[in-house]
Amino acid sequence: MKKKVGIIACSGEKLVGGTLSRAAARIVVEKLRPNNTIILCQPLFMAGGLERHGGQQERDFAKNHPTITIEGCEEECAKIAVDKYSGKPATTIYIQEIAEMYPELKPKSREDLGEDGMKLAEIIAEEIAKKVDELFQSK
C-alpha cells in the first residue's frame, strides 16, 4: 500500500489566504490526488493530546508520512505546528507567493471566493498536486 501525503491547510478564518488554502487543499484531496492525499486538521493537530478528538492521530500521521503545509499568511502556523509536534514538513506552499503571480485573479472575500478566487484556488491546488507527485517520485 502506498503511503499518503498529509496536507495541513491554514486555519485562519479571518484571512482570504486561509480560505484559499482550505479550498485548494480540498481540491487536491477530493479531485486531483484523492488516492495519494489526506487532509489533516490543523486545530486538532495543535490540540494533540485530546485523544478522544483524534489530535494525537493527526500528529502521528505527520510523523510517519510526508506532510505539506499550506500557509495563508506570514505567520506560518501550520508549518510551526508540524515542526514542533511531528518533525519538518516535506514542503510548505505559500498562498501569497502564488497569488502574486496572478494579480488579475482577486478573490471576492474570505466568505465567498467568487469565480476568480476559485480559479486561483485551482491554480494553487495544481501546485500542491505537483509537490505530491514529487514526493511520490522521490520514494
C-alpha atoms as a PDB file:
ATOM      1  CA  MET A   1       0.000   0.000   0.000  1.00  0.00           C
ATOM      2  CA  LYS A   2       1.345   3.414  -0.934  1.00  0.00           C
ATOM      3  CA  LYS A   3       1.914   5.983   1.721  1.00  0.00           C
ATOM      4  CA  LYS A   4      -0.293   9.019   1.656  1.00  0.00           C
ATOM      5  CA  VAL A   5       0.788  12.623   1.832  1.00  0.00           C
ATOM      6  CA  GLY A   6      -0.777  14.669   4.605  1.00  0.00           C
ATOM      7  CA  ILE A   7      -1.933  18.182   3.817  1.00  0.00           C
ATOM      8  CA  ILE A   8      -2.368  20.750   6.579  1.00  0.00           C
ATOM      9  CA  ALA A   9      -4.036  23.965   5.428  1.00  0.00           C
ATOM     10  CA  CYS A  10      -4.032  27.302   7.200  1.00  0.00           C
ATOM     11  CA  SER A  11      -6.970  27.525   9.575  1.00  0.00           C
ATOM     12  CA  GLY A  12      -7.062  31.326   9.646  1.00  0.00           C
ATOM     13  CA  GLU A  13     -10.728  32.237   9.393  1.00  0.00           C
ATOM     14  CA  LYS A  14     -10.189  35.989   9.119  1.00  0.00           C
ATOM     15  CA  LEU A  15      -7.935  35.829   6.070  1.00  0.00           C
ATOM     16  CA  VAL A  16      -8.664  35.271   2.396  1.00  0.00           C
ATOM     17  CA  GLY A  17      -5.397  33.300   2.338  1.00  0.00           C
ATOM     18  CA  GLY A  18      -6.839  30.874   4.877  1.00  0.00           C
ATOM     19  CA  THR A  19      -9.952  30.345   2.776  1.00  0.00           C
ATOM     20  CA  LEU A  20      -7.831  29.874  -0.349  1.00  0.00           C
ATOM     21  CA  SER A  21      -5.587  27.362   1.418  1.00  0.00           C
ATOM     22  CA  ARG A  22      -8.527  25.274   2.622  1.00  0.00           C
ATOM     23  CA  ALA A  23     -10.249  25.392  -0.784  1.00  0.00           C
ATOM     24  CA  ALA A  24      -7.048  24.342  -2.550  1.00  0.00           C
ATOM     25  CA  ALA A  25      -6.468  21.503  -0.081  1.00  0.00           C
ATOM     26  CA  ARG A  26      -9.996  20.174  -0.695  1.00  0.00           C
ATOM     27  CA  ILE A  27      -9.479  20.315  -4.459  1.00  0.00           C
ATOM     28  CA  VAL A  28      -6.275  18.275  -4.150  1.00  0.00           C
ATOM     29  CA  VAL A  29      -7.737  15.666  -1.812  1.00  0.00           C
ATOM     30  CA  GLU A  30     -11.133  15.360  -3.492  1.00  0.00           C
ATOM     31  CA  LYS A  31     -10.288  15.825  -7.199  1.00  0.00           C
ATOM     32  CA  LEU A  32      -6.614  15.940  -8.148  1.00  0.00           C
ATOM     33  CA  ARG A  33      -4.913  13.329  -5.919  1.00  0.00           C
ATOM     34  CA  PRO A  34      -7.677  11.567  -3.944  1.00  0.00           C
ATOM     35  CA  ASN A  35      -5.763   8.288  -3.657  1.00  0.00           C
ATOM     36  CA  ASN A  36      -2.496   9.846  -2.508  1.00  0.00           C
ATOM     37  CA  THR A  37      -3.506  12.539  -0.026  1.00  0.00           C
ATOM     38  CA  ILE A  38      -5.390  13.164   3.176  1.00  0.00           C
ATOM     39  CA  ILE A  39      -6.292  16.414   4.928  1.00  0.00           C
ATOM     40  CA  LEU A  40      -5.013  16.802   8.467  1.00  0.00           C
ATOM     41  CA  CYS A  41      -6.957  19.182  10.688  1.00  0.00           C
ATOM     42  CA  GLN A  42      -4.666  21.939  11.958  1.00  0.00           C
ATOM     43  CA  PRO A  43      -6.710  22.720  15.116  1.00  0.00           C
ATOM     44  CA  LEU A  44      -6.817  19.020  16.061  1.00  0.00           C
ATOM     45  CA  PHE A  45      -3.143  18.706  15.228  1.00  0.00           C
ATOM     46  CA  MET A  46      -2.305  21.571  17.567  1.00  0.00           C
ATOM     47  CA  ALA A  47      -4.564  20.215  20.341  1.00  0.00           C
ATOM     48  CA  GLY A  48      -2.776  16.870  20.095  1.00  0.00           C
ATOM     49  CA  GLY A  49      -3.370  15.361  23.494  1.00  0.00           C
ATOM     50  CA  LEU A  50      -7.130  15.365  23.096  1.00  0.00           C
ATOM     51  CA  GLU A  51      -7.155  11.692  22.154  1.00  0.00           C
ATOM     52  CA  ARG A  52     -10.934  11.431  22.057  1.00  0.00           C
ATOM     53  CA  HIS A  53     -10.895  14.048  19.305  1.00  0.00           C
ATOM     54  CA  GLY A  54      -8.078  12.427  17.297  1.00  0.00           C
ATOM     55  CA  GLY A  55      -5.400  15.087  17.694  1.00  0.00           C
ATOM     56  CA  GLN A  56      -2.634  12.650  18.530  1.00  0.00           C
ATOM     57  CA  GLN A  57      -3.579  10.600  15.473  1.00  0.00           C
ATOM     58  CA  GLU A  58      -3.043  13.710  13.332  1.00  0.00           C
ATOM     59  CA  ARG A  59       0.417  14.198  14.835  1.00  0.00           C
ATOM     60  CA  ASP A  60       1.336  10.536  14.465  1.00  0.00           C
ATOM     61  CA  PHE A  61       0.284  10.562  10.817  1.00  0.00           C
ATOM     62  CA  ALA A  62       2.565  13.543  10.146  1.00  0.00           C
ATOM     63  CA  LYS A  63       5.458  11.770  11.901  1.00  0.00           C
ATOM     64  CA  ASN A  64       5.131   8.766   9.620  1.00  0.00           C
ATOM     65  CA  HIS A  65       4.125  10.351   6.306  1.00  0.00           C
ATOM     66  CA  PRO A  66       5.355  13.284   4.239  1.00  0.00           C
ATOM     67  CA  THR A  67       3.338  16.385   5.058  1.00  0.00           C
ATOM     68  CA  ILE A  68       2.680  19.536   3.047  1.00  0.00           C
ATOM     69  CA  THR A  69       1.732  22.686   4.916  1.00  0.00           C
ATOM     70  CA  ILE A  70      -0.196  25.443   3.151  1.00  0.00           C
ATOM     71  CA  GLU A  71       0.254  28.899   4.632  1.00  0.00           C
ATOM     72  CA  GLY A  72      -2.341  31.627   4.175  1.00  0.00           C
ATOM     73  CA  CYS A  73      -0.185  34.339   5.753  1.00  0.00           C
ATOM     74  CA  GLU A  74       3.318  35.014   7.005  1.00  0.00           C
ATOM     75  CA  GLU A  75       2.658  33.595  10.499  1.00  0.00           C
ATOM     76  CA  GLU A  76       3.283  30.012   9.299  1.00  0.00           C
ATOM     77  CA  CYS A  77       1.046  28.420  11.934  1.00  0.00           C
ATOM     78  CA  ALA A  78       0.720  25.077  10.126  1.00  0.00           C
ATOM     79  CA  LYS A  79       4.477  24.792   9.500  1.00  0.00           C
ATOM     80  CA  ILE A  80       5.315  25.733  13.085  1.00  0.00           C
ATOM     81  CA  ALA A  81       2.866  23.154  14.456  1.00  0.00           C
ATOM     82  CA  VAL A  82       4.262  20.360  12.287  1.00  0.00           C
ATOM     83  CA  ASP A  83       7.843  21.351  13.145  1.00  0.00           C
ATOM     84  CA  LYS A  84       7.019  21.294  16.848  1.00  0.00           C
ATOM     85  CA  TYR A  85       4.964  18.126  17.098  1.00  0.00           C
ATOM     86  CA  SER A  86       5.919  15.835  14.212  1.00  0.00           C
ATOM     87  CA  GLY A  87       9.105  16.962  12.507  1.00  0.00           C
ATOM     88  CA  LYS A  88       9.846  19.095   9.490  1.00  0.00           C
ATOM     89  CA  PRO A  89       7.156  19.259   6.782  1.00  0.00           C
ATOM     90  CA  ALA A  90       8.161  17.822   3.406  1.00  0.00           C
ATOM     91  CA  THR A  91       7.359  21.196   1.859  1.00  0.00           C
ATOM     92  CA  THR A  92       5.428  24.390   2.501  1.00  0.00           C
ATOM     93  CA  ILE A  93       3.235  26.215  -0.009  1.00  0.00           C
ATOM     94  CA  TYR A  94       2.765  29.952   0.472  1.00  0.00           C
ATOM     95  CA  ILE A  95      -0.558  31.223  -0.849  1.00  0.00           C
ATOM     96  CA  GLN A  96       0.675  34.799  -1.203  1.00  0.00           C
ATOM     97  CA  GLU A  97       3.603  33.800  -3.434  1.00  0.00           C
ATOM     98  CA  ILE A  98       1.302  32.048  -5.880  1.00  0.00           C
ATOM     99  CA  ALA A  99      -1.390  34.750  -5.701  1.00  0.00           C
ATOM    100  CA  GLU A 100       1.191  37.408  -6.617  1.00  0.00           C
ATOM    101  CA  MET A 101       1.820  35.600  -9.904  1.00  0.00           C
ATOM    102  CA  TYR A 102      -1.877  36.024 -10.821  1.00  0.00           C
ATOM    103  CA  PRO A 103      -2.790  39.628  -9.900  1.00  0.00           C
ATOM    104  CA  GLU A 104      -5.792  39.500 -12.206  1.00  0.00           C
ATOM    105  CA  LEU A 105      -7.415  36.829 -10.000  1.00  0.00           C
ATOM    106  CA  LYS A 106      -8.837  38.639  -6.998  1.00  0.00           C
ATOM    107  CA  PRO A 107     -10.900  36.627  -4.509  1.00  0.00           C
ATOM    108  CA  LYS A 108     -14.220  38.286  -3.728  1.00  0.00           C
ATOM    109  CA  SER A 109     -13.999  37.863   0.071  1.00  0.00           C
ATOM    110  CA  ARG A 110     -12.954  35.385   2.733  1.00  0.00           C
ATOM    111  CA  GLU A 111     -16.551  34.152   2.984  1.00  0.00           C
ATOM    112  CA  ASP A 112     -17.079  33.842  -0.776  1.00  0.00           C
ATOM    113  CA  LEU A 113     -14.057  33.450  -3.020  1.00  0.00           C
ATOM    114  CA  GLY A 114     -16.119  34.087  -6.123  1.00  0.00           C
ATOM    115  CA  GLU A 115     -15.188  32.903  -9.607  1.00  0.00           C
ATOM    116  CA  ASP A 116     -11.714  34.493  -9.653  1.00  0.00           C
ATOM    117  CA  GLY A 117     -10.927  33.200  -6.181  1.00  0.00           C
ATOM    118  CA  MET A 118     -11.928  29.671  -7.137  1.00  0.00           C
ATOM    119  CA  LYS A 119      -9.741  29.880 -10.253  1.00  0.00           C
ATOM    120  CA  LEU A 120      -6.869  30.918  -8.008  1.00  0.00           C
ATOM    121  CA  ALA A 121      -7.644  28.038  -5.615  1.00  0.00           C
ATOM    122  CA  GLU A 122      -7.477  25.638  -8.598  1.00  0.00           C
ATOM    123  CA  ILE A 123      -4.063  27.033  -9.586  1.00  0.00           C
ATOM    124  CA  ILE A 124      -2.819  26.661  -6.001  1.00  0.00           C
ATOM    125  CA  ALA A 125      -4.205  23.111  -5.919  1.00  0.00           C
ATOM    126  CA  GLU A 126      -2.270  22.264  -9.099  1.00  0.00           C
ATOM    127  CA  GLU A 127       0.937  23.463  -7.403  1.00  0.00           C
ATOM    128  CA  ILE A 128       0.193  21.312  -4.372  1.00  0.00           C
ATOM    129  CA  ALA A 129      -0.536  18.314  -6.622  1.00  0.00           C
ATOM    130  CA  LYS A 130       2.874  18.791  -8.301  1.00  0.00           C
ATOM    131  CA  LYS A 131       4.526  18.644  -4.865  1.00  0.00           C
ATOM    132  CA  VAL A 132       2.574  15.471  -4.039  1.00  0.00           C
ATOM    133  CA  ASP A 133       3.819  13.909  -7.280  1.00  0.00           C
ATOM    134  CA  GLU A 134       7.406  14.909  -6.462  1.00  0.00           C
ATOM    135  CA  LEU A 135       7.120  13.280  -3.044  1.00  0.00           C
ATOM    136  CA  PHE A 136       5.885  10.019  -4.592  1.00  0.00           C
ATOM    137  CA  GLN A 137       8.654  10.064  -7.215  1.00  0.00           C
ATOM    138  CA  SER A 138      11.345  10.566  -4.572  1.00  0.00           C
ATOM    139  CA  LYS A 139      10.440   7.370  -2.710  1.00  0.00           C
END
